[in-house]
Amino acid sequence: MNASTDIDYARYDHIRPILWTGDSLQLLDQRKLPFVVEHVECRDSDAVAEAIHALTVRGAPAIGIAAAWGVVLAANAVQADDGAQALLKLEPALQRLNASRPTAVNLAW
């Protein structure tokens, strides 16, 4: 018997801490747990940085994943002719995301 095939994951997988919708990031608002399950919608990297700073998302792995999706949102908004120009335009968002973590070490590590 293969235990992994016997588990009904859908039965237990009700809470998504981070959900990418294709054009936005849904973050579980961990400040409201365990009594309320609510997600904060982030449509740009500034919203992700604010969610990290406000401790909406907590824990190093979740913060790192949220910040990475914040980079995706920022990159989607960049209009550039080449990679160097794109990186230049992306840099402010990278700096904001890197500075957003209010606790522990920075995200750039």
PDB file of N, CA and C in Angstrom:
ATOM      1  N   MET A   1       0.847  -1.179   0.000  1.00  0.00           N
ATOM      2  CA  MET A   1       0.000   0.000   0.000  1.00  0.00           C
ATOM      3  C   MET A   1       0.892   1.242   0.000  1.00  0.00           C
ATOM      4  N   ASN A   2       0.577   2.179  -0.869  1.00  0.00           N
ATOM      5  CA  ASN A   2       1.322   3.429  -0.969  1.00  0.00           C
ATOM      6  C   ASN A   2       0.550   4.506  -0.214  1.00  0.00           C
ATOM      7  N   ALA A   3       1.105   4.933   0.910  1.00  0.00           N
ATOM      8  CA  ALA A   3       0.396   5.881   1.779  1.00  0.00           C
ATOM      9  C   ALA A   3       0.092   7.200   1.083  1.00  0.00           C
ATOM     10  N   SER A   4       0.988   7.646   0.203  1.00  0.00           N
ATOM     11  CA  SER A   4       0.760   8.948  -0.439  1.00  0.00           C
ATOM     12  C   SER A   4      -0.430   8.927  -1.386  1.00  0.00           C
ATOM     13  N   THR A   5      -0.776   7.781  -1.934  1.00  0.00           N
ATOM     14  CA  THR A   5      -1.931   7.717  -2.834  1.00  0.00           C
ATOM     15  C   THR A   5      -3.233   7.533  -2.075  1.00  0.00           C
ATOM     16  N   ASP A   6      -3.139   7.200  -0.796  1.00  0.00           N
ATOM     17  CA  ASP A   6      -4.335   6.984   0.007  1.00  0.00           C
ATOM     18  C   ASP A   6      -4.820   8.243   0.715  1.00  0.00           C
ATOM     19  N   ILE A   7      -4.058   9.322   0.626  1.00  0.00           N
ATOM     20  CA  ILE A   7      -4.412  10.555   1.327  1.00  0.00           C
ATOM     21  C   ILE A   7      -5.285  11.435   0.443  1.00  0.00           C
ATOM     22  N   ASP A   8      -6.388  11.878   0.984  1.00  0.00           N
ATOM     23  CA  ASP A   8      -7.276  12.798   0.275  1.00  0.00           C
ATOM     24  C   ASP A   8      -6.844  14.227   0.610  1.00  0.00           C
ATOM     25  N   TYR A   9      -5.860  14.743  -0.157  1.00  0.00           N
ATOM     26  CA  TYR A   9      -5.298  16.059   0.141  1.00  0.00           C
ATOM     27  C   TYR A   9      -6.343  17.171   0.071  1.00  0.00           C
ATOM     28  N   ALA A  10      -7.288  17.084  -0.834  1.00  0.00           N
ATOM     29  CA  ALA A  10      -8.306  18.126  -0.979  1.00  0.00           C
ATOM     30  C   ALA A  10      -9.121  18.282   0.306  1.00  0.00           C
ATOM     31  N   ARG A  11      -9.251  17.207   1.036  1.00  0.00           N
ATOM     32  CA  ARG A  11     -10.017  17.245   2.283  1.00  0.00           C
ATOM     33  C   ARG A  11      -9.353  18.143   3.325  1.00  0.00           C
ATOM     34  N   TYR A  12      -8.022  18.207   3.291  1.00  0.00           N
ATOM     35  CA  TYR A  12      -7.279  18.945   4.305  1.00  0.00           C
ATOM     36  C   TYR A  12      -6.694  20.259   3.811  1.00  0.00           C
ATOM     37  N   ASP A  13      -6.649  20.451   2.524  1.00  0.00           N
ATOM     38  CA  ASP A  13      -5.977  21.615   1.932  1.00  0.00           C
ATOM     39  C   ASP A  13      -6.971  22.755   1.730  1.00  0.00           C
ATOM     40  N   HIS A  14      -7.350  23.407   2.827  1.00  0.00           N
ATOM     41  CA  HIS A  14      -8.350  24.466   2.760  1.00  0.00           C
ATOM     42  C   HIS A  14      -7.760  25.862   2.882  1.00  0.00           C
ATOM     43  N   ILE A  15      -6.629  25.967   3.523  1.00  0.00           N
ATOM     44  CA  ILE A  15      -6.040  27.281   3.757  1.00  0.00           C
ATOM     45  C   ILE A  15      -4.787  27.421   2.910  1.00  0.00           C
ATOM     46  N   ARG A  16      -4.781  28.417   2.060  1.00  0.00           N
ATOM     47  CA  ARG A  16      -3.628  28.713   1.214  1.00  0.00           C
ATOM     48  C   ARG A  16      -2.951  29.967   1.753  1.00  0.00           C
ATOM     49  N   PRO A  17      -1.750  29.852   2.331  1.00  0.00           N
ATOM     50  CA  PRO A  17      -1.092  31.042   2.862  1.00  0.00           C
ATOM     51  C   PRO A  17      -0.654  32.011   1.773  1.00  0.00           C
ATOM     52  N   ILE A  18      -0.298  31.474   0.606  1.00  0.00           N
ATOM     53  CA  ILE A  18       0.121  32.306  -0.521  1.00  0.00           C
ATOM     54  C   ILE A  18      -0.507  31.726  -1.775  1.00  0.00           C
ATOM     55  N   LEU A  19      -1.205  32.574  -2.519  1.00  0.00           N
ATOM     56  CA  LEU A  19      -1.864  32.104  -3.733  1.00  0.00           C
ATOM     57  C   LEU A  19      -1.630  33.101  -4.858  1.00  0.00           C
ATOM     58  N   TRP A  20      -1.012  32.631  -5.934  1.00  0.00           N
ATOM     59  CA  TRP A  20      -0.796  33.446  -7.128  1.00  0.00           C
ATOM     60  C   TRP A  20      -1.987  33.247  -8.046  1.00  0.00           C
ATOM     61  N   THR A  21      -2.637  34.329  -8.448  1.00  0.00           N
ATOM     62  CA  THR A  21      -3.829  34.222  -9.284  1.00  0.00           C
ATOM     63  C   THR A  21      -3.544  34.454 -10.761  1.00  0.00           C
ATOM     64  N   GLY A  22      -2.341  34.876 -11.072  1.00  0.00           N
ATOM     65  CA  GLY A  22      -1.995  35.190 -12.454  1.00  0.00           C
ATOM     66  C   GLY A  22      -1.769  36.669 -12.654  1.00  0.00           C
ATOM     67  N   ASP A  23      -2.487  37.483 -11.889  1.00  0.00           N
ATOM     68  CA  ASP A  23      -2.272  38.935 -11.971  1.00  0.00           C
ATOM     69  C   ASP A  23      -2.209  39.595 -10.598  1.00  0.00           C
ATOM     70  N   SER A  24      -2.367  38.788  -9.551  1.00  0.00           N
ATOM     71  CA  SER A  24      -2.233  39.323  -8.195  1.00  0.00           C
ATOM     72  C   SER A  24      -1.770  38.213  -7.261  1.00  0.00           C
ATOM     73  N   LEU A  25      -1.354  38.635  -6.089  1.00  0.00           N
ATOM     74  CA  LEU A  25      -0.910  37.706  -5.057  1.00  0.00           C
ATOM     75  C   LEU A  25      -1.875  37.811  -3.887  1.00  0.00           C
ATOM     76  N   GLN A  26      -2.399  36.688  -3.453  1.00  0.00           N
ATOM     77  CA  GLN A  26      -3.289  36.643  -2.297  1.00  0.00           C
ATOM     78  C   GLN A  26      -2.480  36.120  -1.113  1.00  0.00           C
ATOM     79  N   LEU A  27      -2.364  36.927  -0.058  1.00  0.00           N
ATOM     80  CA  LEU A  27      -1.605  36.540   1.129  1.00  0.00           C
ATOM     81  C   LEU A  27      -2.544  36.344   2.310  1.00  0.00           C
ATOM     82  N   LEU A  28      -2.424  35.210   2.966  1.00  0.00           N
ATOM     83  CA  LEU A  28      -3.197  34.961   4.174  1.00  0.00           C
ATOM     84  C   LEU A  28      -2.788  35.979   5.230  1.00  0.00           C
ATOM     85  N   ASP A  29      -3.753  36.691   5.773  1.00  0.00           N
ATOM     86  CA  ASP A  29      -3.461  37.693   6.798  1.00  0.00           C
ATOM     87  C   ASP A  29      -3.253  36.973   8.123  1.00  0.00           C
ATOM     88  N   GLN A  30      -1.991  36.710   8.432  1.00  0.00           N
ATOM     89  CA  GLN A  30      -1.661  35.926   9.618  1.00  0.00           C
ATOM     90  C   GLN A  30      -1.904  36.688  10.914  1.00  0.00           C
ATOM     91  N   ARG A  31      -2.114  37.986  10.823  1.00  0.00           N
ATOM     92  CA  ARG A  31      -2.429  38.771  12.022  1.00  0.00           C
ATOM     93  C   ARG A  31      -3.798  38.410  12.578  1.00  0.00           C
ATOM     94  N   LYS A  32      -4.667  37.867  11.736  1.00  0.00           N
ATOM     95  CA  LYS A  32      -6.047  37.591  12.141  1.00  0.00           C
ATOM     96  C   LYS A  32      -6.285  36.141  12.544  1.00  0.00           C
ATOM     97  N   LEU A  33      -5.271  35.308  12.360  1.00  0.00           N
ATOM     98  CA  LEU A  33      -5.408  33.907  12.734  1.00  0.00           C
ATOM     99  C   LEU A  33      -5.416  33.767  14.253  1.00  0.00           C
ATOM    100  N   PRO A  34      -6.041  32.782  14.834  1.00  0.00           N
ATOM    101  CA  PRO A  34      -6.712  31.655  14.214  1.00  0.00           C
ATOM    102  C   PRO A  34      -8.215  31.848  14.036  1.00  0.00           C
ATOM    103  N   PHE A  35      -8.717  33.017  14.384  1.00  0.00           N
ATOM    104  CA  PHE A  35     -10.167  33.199  14.403  1.00  0.00           C
ATOM    105  C   PHE A  35     -10.766  33.595  13.063  1.00  0.00           C
ATOM    106  N   VAL A  36      -9.970  34.247  12.230  1.00  0.00           N
ATOM    107  CA  VAL A  36     -10.459  34.716  10.932  1.00  0.00           C
ATOM    108  C   VAL A  36      -9.477  34.281   9.853  1.00  0.00           C
ATOM    109  N   VAL A  37     -10.009  33.716   8.786  1.00  0.00           N
ATOM    110  CA  VAL A  37      -9.191  33.382   7.620  1.00  0.00           C
ATOM    111  C   VAL A  37      -9.535  34.399   6.538  1.00  0.00           C
ATOM    112  N   GLU A  38      -8.603  35.305   6.317  1.00  0.00           N
ATOM    113  CA  GLU A  38      -8.809  36.387   5.353  1.00  0.00           C
ATOM    114  C   GLU A  38      -7.521  36.583   4.562  1.00  0.00           C
ATOM    115  N   HIS A  39      -7.672  36.876   3.292  1.00  0.00           N
ATOM    116  CA  HIS A  39      -6.515  37.117   2.436  1.00  0.00           C
ATOM    117  C   HIS A  39      -6.441  38.589   2.038  1.00  0.00           C
ATOM    118  N   VAL A  40      -5.216  39.066   1.901  1.00  0.00           N
ATOM    119  CA  VAL A  40      -4.947  40.421   1.430  1.00  0.00           C
ATOM    120  C   VAL A  40      -4.509  40.305  -0.021  1.00  0.00           C
ATOM    121  N   GLU A  41      -5.140  41.065  -0.896  1.00  0.00           N
ATOM    122  CA  GLU A  41      -4.788  41.027  -2.315  1.00  0.00           C
ATOM    123  C   GLU A  41      -3.710  42.065  -2.607  1.00  0.00           C
ATOM    124  N   CYS A  42      -2.642  41.610  -3.241  1.00  0.00           N
ATOM    125  CA  CYS A  42      -1.542  42.490  -3.636  1.00  0.00           C
ATOM    126  C   CYS A  42      -1.464  42.494  -5.160  1.00  0.00           C
ATOM    127  N   ARG A  43      -1.678  43.669  -5.749  1.00  0.00           N
ATOM    128  CA  ARG A  43      -1.648  43.789  -7.206  1.00  0.00           C
ATOM    129  C   ARG A  43      -0.349  44.390  -7.724  1.00  0.00           C
ATOM    130  N   ASP A  44       0.518  44.854  -6.806  1.00  0.00           N
ATOM    131  CA  ASP A  44       1.816  45.385  -7.228  1.00  0.00           C
ATOM    132  C   ASP A  44       2.845  45.135  -6.130  1.00  0.00           C
ATOM    133  N   SER A  45       4.090  45.388  -6.455  1.00  0.00           N
ATOM    134  CA  SER A  45       5.166  45.096  -5.504  1.00  0.00           C
ATOM    135  C   SER A  45       5.085  45.974  -4.261  1.00  0.00           C
ATOM    136  N   ASP A  46       4.567  47.177  -4.391  1.00  0.00           N
ATOM    137  CA  ASP A  46       4.410  48.043  -3.217  1.00  0.00           C
ATOM    138  C   ASP A  46       3.444  47.430  -2.206  1.00  0.00           C
ATOM    139  N   ALA A  47       2.372  46.829  -2.692  1.00  0.00           N
ATOM    140  CA  ALA A  47       1.404  46.186  -1.802  1.00  0.00           C
ATOM    141  C   ALA A  47       2.031  44.981  -1.105  1.00  0.00           C
ATOM    142  N   VAL A  48       2.876  44.243  -1.819  1.00  0.00           N
ATOM    143  CA  VAL A  48       3.567  43.103  -1.209  1.00  0.00           C
ATOM    144  C   VAL A  48       4.524  43.602  -0.128  1.00  0.00           C
ATOM    145  N   ALA A  49       5.289  44.648  -0.438  1.00  0.00           N
ATOM    146  CA  ALA A  49       6.223  45.214   0.543  1.00  0.00           C
ATOM    147  C   ALA A  49       5.470  45.685   1.785  1.00  0.00           C
ATOM    148  N   GLU A  50       4.332  46.313   1.599  1.00  0.00           N
ATOM    149  CA  GLU A  50       3.533  46.780   2.734  1.00  0.00           C
ATOM    150  C   GLU A  50       3.011  45.599   3.551  1.00  0.00           C
ATOM    151  N   ALA A  51       2.579  44.531   2.884  1.00  0.00           N
ATOM    152  CA  ALA A  51       2.085  43.348   3.596  1.00  0.00           C
ATOM    153  C   ALA A  51       3.198  42.703   4.425  1.00  0.00           C
ATOM    154  N   ILE A  52       4.402  42.661   3.874  1.00  0.00           N
ATOM    155  CA  ILE A  52       5.535  42.112   4.625  1.00  0.00           C
ATOM    156  C   ILE A  52       5.837  43.007   5.825  1.00  0.00           C
ATOM    157  N   HIS A  53       5.894  44.301   5.589  1.00  0.00           N
ATOM    158  CA  HIS A  53       6.214  45.253   6.660  1.00  0.00           C
ATOM    159  C   HIS A  53       5.164  45.224   7.776  1.00  0.00           C
ATOM    160  N   ALA A  54       3.909  45.065   7.411  1.00  0.00           N
ATOM    161  CA  ALA A  54       2.813  45.065   8.389  1.00  0.00           C
ATOM    162  C   ALA A  54       2.638  43.717   9.081  1.00  0.00           C
ATOM    163  N   LEU A  55       3.504  42.757   8.767  1.00  0.00           N
ATOM    164  CA  LEU A  55       3.452  41.410   9.335  1.00  0.00           C
ATOM    165  C   LEU A  55       2.191  40.654   8.945  1.00  0.00           C
ATOM    166  N   THR A  56       1.628  41.006   7.807  1.00  0.00           N
ATOM    167  CA  THR A  56       0.517  40.233   7.264  1.00  0.00           C
ATOM    168  C   THR A  56       0.989  38.820   6.978  1.00  0.00           C
ATOM    169  N   VAL A  57       2.177  38.723   6.431  1.00  0.00           N
ATOM    170  CA  VAL A  57       2.816  37.437   6.150  1.00  0.00           C
ATOM    171  C   VAL A  57       3.999  37.300   7.104  1.00  0.00           C
ATOM    172  N   ARG A  58       4.134  36.117   7.699  1.00  0.00           N
ATOM    173  CA  ARG A  58       5.163  35.909   8.728  1.00  0.00           C
ATOM    174  C   ARG A  58       5.925  34.624   8.460  1.00  0.00           C
ATOM    175  N   GLY A  59       7.144  34.598   8.971  1.00  0.00           N
ATOM    176  CA  GLY A  59       8.003  33.428   8.818  1.00  0.00           C
ATOM    177  C   GLY A  59       8.911  33.597   7.617  1.00  0.00           C
ATOM    178  N   ALA A  60      10.180  33.299   7.812  1.00  0.00           N
ATOM    179  CA  ALA A  60      11.172  33.540   6.764  1.00  0.00           C
ATOM    180  C   ALA A  60      10.816  32.909   5.420  1.00  0.00           C
ATOM    181  N   PRO A  61      10.396  31.643   5.364  1.00  0.00           N
ATOM    182  CA  PRO A  61      10.067  31.064   4.056  1.00  0.00           C
ATOM    183  C   PRO A  61       8.898  31.781   3.374  1.00  0.00           C
ATOM    184  N   ALA A  62       7.840  32.062   4.119  1.00  0.00           N
ATOM    185  CA  ALA A  62       6.675  32.733   3.536  1.00  0.00           C
ATOM    186  C   ALA A  62       7.019  34.149   3.098  1.00  0.00           C
ATOM    187  N   ILE A  63       7.826  34.843   3.890  1.00  0.00           N
ATOM    188  CA  ILE A  63       8.237  36.201   3.522  1.00  0.00           C
ATOM    189  C   ILE A  63       9.071  36.168   2.253  1.00  0.00           C
ATOM    190  N   GLY A  64       9.993  35.225   2.165  1.00  0.00           N
ATOM    191  CA  GLY A  64      10.821  35.104   0.967  1.00  0.00           C
ATOM    192  C   GLY A  64      10.007  34.801  -0.275  1.00  0.00           C
ATOM    193  N   ILE A  65       9.039  33.912  -0.151  1.00  0.00           N
ATOM    194  CA  ILE A  65       8.180  33.569  -1.291  1.00  0.00           C
ATOM    195  C   ILE A  65       7.320  34.765  -1.685  1.00  0.00           C
ATOM    196  N   ALA A  66       6.749  35.449  -0.710  1.00  0.00           N
ATOM    197  CA  ALA A  66       5.939  36.634  -1.006  1.00  0.00           C
ATOM    198  C   ALA A  66       6.778  37.691  -1.709  1.00  0.00           C
ATOM    199  N   ALA A  67       7.995  37.925  -1.226  1.00  0.00           N
ATOM    200  CA  ALA A  67       8.873  38.915  -1.854  1.00  0.00           C
ATOM    201  C   ALA A  67       9.215  38.515  -3.284  1.00  0.00           C
ATOM    202  N   ALA A  68       9.444  37.228  -3.513  1.00  0.00           N
ATOM    203  CA  ALA A  68       9.744  36.761  -4.873  1.00  0.00           C
ATOM    204  C   ALA A  68       8.567  37.034  -5.812  1.00  0.00           C
ATOM    205  N   TRP A  69       7.351  36.786  -5.340  1.00  0.00           N
ATOM    206  CA  TRP A  69       6.178  37.105  -6.158  1.00  0.00           C
ATOM    207  C   TRP A  69       6.029  38.615  -6.331  1.00  0.00           C
ATOM    208  N   GLY A  70       6.463  39.378  -5.336  1.00  0.00           N
ATOM    209  CA  GLY A  70       6.482  40.835  -5.479  1.00  0.00           C
ATOM    210  C   GLY A  70       7.394  41.267  -6.615  1.00  0.00           C
ATOM    211  N   VAL A  71       8.522  40.577  -6.759  1.00  0.00           N
ATOM    212  CA  VAL A  71       9.429  40.858  -7.881  1.00  0.00           C
ATOM    213  C   VAL A  71       8.738  40.536  -9.203  1.00  0.00           C
ATOM    214  N   VAL A  72       7.989  39.450  -9.240  1.00  0.00           N
ATOM    215  CA  VAL A  72       7.238  39.096 -10.456  1.00  0.00           C
ATOM    216  C   VAL A  72       6.246  40.203 -10.800  1.00  0.00           C
ATOM    217  N   LEU A  73       5.515  40.690  -9.813  1.00  0.00           N
ATOM    218  CA  LEU A  73       4.562  41.775 -10.063  1.00  0.00           C
ATOM    219  C   LEU A  73       5.271  43.020 -10.575  1.00  0.00           C
ATOM    220  N   ALA A  74       6.415  43.343  -9.980  1.00  0.00           N
ATOM    221  CA  ALA A  74       7.174  44.515 -10.427  1.00  0.00           C
ATOM    222  C   ALA A  74       7.686  44.318 -11.848  1.00  0.00           C
ATOM    223  N   ALA A  75       8.197  43.136 -12.136  1.00  0.00           N
ATOM    224  CA  ALA A  75       8.730  42.856 -13.475  1.00  0.00           C
ATOM    225  C   ALA A  75       7.632  42.910 -14.530  1.00  0.00           C
ATOM    226  N   ASN A  76       6.441  42.458 -14.178  1.00  0.00           N
ATOM    227  CA  ASN A  76       5.323  42.512 -15.130  1.00  0.00           C
ATOM    228  C   ASN A  76       4.960  43.940 -15.512  1.00  0.00           C
ATOM    229  N   ALA A  77       5.247  44.883 -14.636  1.00  0.00           N
ATOM    230  CA  ALA A  77       4.900  46.285 -14.888  1.00  0.00           C
ATOM    231  C   ALA A  77       5.995  47.044 -15.636  1.00  0.00           C
ATOM    232  N   VAL A  78       7.164  46.435 -15.797  1.00  0.00           N
ATOM    233  CA  VAL A  78       8.298  47.120 -16.429  1.00  0.00           C
ATOM    234  C   VAL A  78       8.176  47.083 -17.948  1.00  0.00           C
ATOM    235  N   GLN A  79       8.345  48.246 -18.551  1.00  0.00           N
ATOM    236  CA  GLN A  79       8.435  48.377 -20.008  1.00  0.00           C
ATOM    237  C   GLN A  79       9.868  48.784 -20.319  1.00  0.00           C
ATOM    238  N   ALA A  80      10.598  47.949 -21.054  1.00  0.00           N
ATOM    239  CA  ALA A  80      12.000  48.254 -21.339  1.00  0.00           C
ATOM    240  C   ALA A  80      12.401  47.675 -22.685  1.00  0.00           C
ATOM    241  N   ASP A  81      13.420  48.293 -23.286  1.00  0.00           N
ATOM    242  CA  ASP A  81      13.927  47.838 -24.580  1.00  0.00           C
ATOM    243  C   ASP A  81      14.948  46.718 -24.453  1.00  0.00           C
ATOM    244  N   ASP A  82      15.608  46.632 -23.300  1.00  0.00           N
ATOM    245  CA  ASP A  82      16.613  45.582 -23.114  1.00  0.00           C
ATOM    246  C   ASP A  82      16.707  45.222 -21.635  1.00  0.00           C
ATOM    247  N   GLY A  83      17.487  44.192 -21.345  1.00  0.00           N
ATOM    248  CA  GLY A  83      17.615  43.699 -19.979  1.00  0.00           C
ATOM    249  C   GLY A  83      18.203  44.708 -19.019  1.00  0.00           C
ATOM    250  N   ALA A  84      19.201  45.455 -19.476  1.00  0.00           N
ATOM    251  CA  ALA A  84      19.841  46.445 -18.607  1.00  0.00           C
ATOM    252  C   ALA A  84      18.856  47.536 -18.212  1.00  0.00           C
ATOM    253  N   GLN A  85      18.068  47.981 -19.169  1.00  0.00           N
ATOM    254  CA  GLN A  85      17.066  49.011 -18.884  1.00  0.00           C
ATOM    255  C   GLN A  85      15.981  48.456 -17.953  1.00  0.00           C
ATOM    256  N   ALA A  86      15.597  47.207 -18.167  1.00  0.00           N
ATOM    257  CA  ALA A  86      14.590  46.578 -17.311  1.00  0.00           C
ATOM    258  C   ALA A  86      15.088  46.479 -15.874  1.00  0.00           C
ATOM    259  N   LEU A  87      16.341  46.073 -15.706  1.00  0.00           N
ATOM    260  CA  LEU A  87      16.901  45.964 -14.364  1.00  0.00           C
ATOM    261  C   LEU A  87      16.955  47.320 -13.673  1.00  0.00           C
ATOM    262  N   LEU A  88      17.302  48.346 -14.432  1.00  0.00           N
ATOM    263  CA  LEU A  88      17.346  49.699 -13.882  1.00  0.00           C
ATOM    264  C   LEU A  88      15.962  50.130 -13.389  1.00  0.00           C
ATOM    265  N   LYS A  89      14.939  49.819 -14.174  1.00  0.00           N
ATOM    266  CA  LYS A  89      13.571  50.180 -13.792  1.00  0.00           C
ATOM    267  C   LYS A  89      13.044  49.314 -12.644  1.00  0.00           C
ATOM    268  N   LEU A  90      13.567  48.105 -12.531  1.00  0.00           N
ATOM    269  CA  LEU A  90      13.128  47.175 -11.496  1.00  0.00           C
ATOM    270  C   LEU A  90      13.791  47.453 -10.142  1.00  0.00           C
ATOM    271  N   GLU A  91      14.934  48.096 -10.162  1.00  0.00           N
ATOM    272  CA  GLU A  91      15.733  48.312  -8.949  1.00  0.00           C
ATOM    273  C   GLU A  91      14.965  48.969  -7.794  1.00  0.00           C
ATOM    274  N   PRO A  92      14.170  50.019  -8.011  1.00  0.00           N
ATOM    275  CA  PRO A  92      13.437  50.609  -6.872  1.00  0.00           C
ATOM    276  C   PRO A  92      12.504  49.609  -6.179  1.00  0.00           C
ATOM    277  N   ALA A  93      11.832  48.778  -6.949  1.00  0.00           N
ATOM    278  CA  ALA A  93      10.946  47.771  -6.350  1.00  0.00           C
ATOM    279  C   ALA A  93      11.755  46.747  -5.566  1.00  0.00           C
ATOM    280  N   LEU A  94      12.902  46.352  -6.100  1.00  0.00           N
ATOM    281  CA  LEU A  94      13.767  45.407  -5.393  1.00  0.00           C
ATOM    282  C   LEU A  94      14.232  45.992  -4.065  1.00  0.00           C
ATOM    283  N   GLN A  95      14.584  47.259  -4.073  1.00  0.00           N
ATOM    284  CA  GLN A  95      15.034  47.921  -2.847  1.00  0.00           C
ATOM    285  C   GLN A  95      13.903  48.004  -1.816  1.00  0.00           C
ATOM    286  N   ARG A  96      12.694  48.354  -2.267  1.00  0.00           N
ATOM    287  CA  ARG A  96      11.546  48.433  -1.343  1.00  0.00           C
ATOM    288  C   ARG A  96      11.246  47.064  -0.730  1.00  0.00           C
ATOM    289  N   LEU A  97      11.241  46.038  -1.564  1.00  0.00           N
ATOM    290  CA  LEU A  97      10.967  44.697  -1.054  1.00  0.00           C
ATOM    291  C   LEU A  97      12.053  44.261  -0.075  1.00  0.00           C
ATOM    292  N   ASN A  98      13.295  44.541  -0.402  1.00  0.00           N
ATOM    293  CA  ASN A  98      14.406  44.158   0.464  1.00  0.00           C
ATOM    294  C   ASN A  98      14.327  44.857   1.822  1.00  0.00           C
ATOM    295  N   ALA A  99      13.863  46.086   1.835  1.00  0.00           N
ATOM    296  CA  ALA A  99      13.787  46.861   3.077  1.00  0.00           C
ATOM    297  C   ALA A  99      12.496  46.611   3.856  1.00  0.00           C
ATOM    298  N   SER A 100      11.581  45.826   3.318  1.00  0.00           N
ATOM    299  CA  SER A 100      10.249  45.696   3.914  1.00  0.00           C
ATOM    300  C   SER A 100      10.200  44.816   5.151  1.00  0.00           C
ATOM    301  N   ARG A 101      11.145  43.920   5.308  1.00  0.00           N
ATOM    302  CA  ARG A 101      11.077  42.991   6.439  1.00  0.00           C
ATOM    303  C   ARG A 101      11.406  43.719   7.737  1.00  0.00           C
ATOM    304  N   PRO A 102      10.449  43.775   8.670  1.00  0.00           N
ATOM    305  CA  PRO A 102      10.665  44.550   9.894  1.00  0.00           C
ATOM    306  C   PRO A 102      11.443  43.806  10.977  1.00  0.00           C
ATOM    307  N   THR A 103      11.630  42.510  10.807  1.00  0.00           N
ATOM    308  CA  THR A 103      12.301  41.717  11.833  1.00  0.00           C
ATOM    309  C   THR A 103      13.454  40.931  11.227  1.00  0.00           C
ATOM    310  N   ALA A 104      14.336  40.459  12.063  1.00  0.00           N
ATOM    311  CA  ALA A 104      15.440  39.561  11.689  1.00  0.00           C
ATOM    312  C   ALA A 104      16.336  40.166  10.621  1.00  0.00           C
ATOM    313  N   VAL A 105      16.833  39.330   9.733  1.00  0.00           N
ATOM    314  CA  VAL A 105      17.786  39.779   8.717  1.00  0.00           C
ATOM    315  C   VAL A 105      17.063  40.177   7.444  1.00  0.00           C
ATOM    316  N   ASN A 106      17.809  40.779   6.541  1.00  0.00           N
ATOM    317  CA  ASN A 106      17.175  41.263   5.315  1.00  0.00           C
ATOM    318  C   ASN A 106      16.859  40.128   4.347  1.00  0.00           C
ATOM    319  N   LEU A 107      16.093  40.437   3.337  1.00  0.00           N
ATOM    320  CA  LEU A 107      15.666  39.447   2.355  1.00  0.00           C
ATOM    321  C   LEU A 107      16.715  39.157   1.293  1.00  0.00           C
ATOM    322  N   ALA A 108      17.707  39.992   1.162  1.00  0.00           N
ATOM    323  CA  ALA A 108      18.684  39.829   0.081  1.00  0.00           C
ATOM    324  C   ALA A 108      19.611  38.640   0.299  1.00  0.00           C
ATOM    325  N   TRP A 109      19.653  38.097   1.500  1.00  0.00           N
ATOM    326  CA  TRP A 109      20.556  36.986   1.758  1.00  0.00           C
ATOM    327  C   TRP A 109      19.999  35.777   1.140  1.00  0.00           C
TER     328      TRP A 109
END
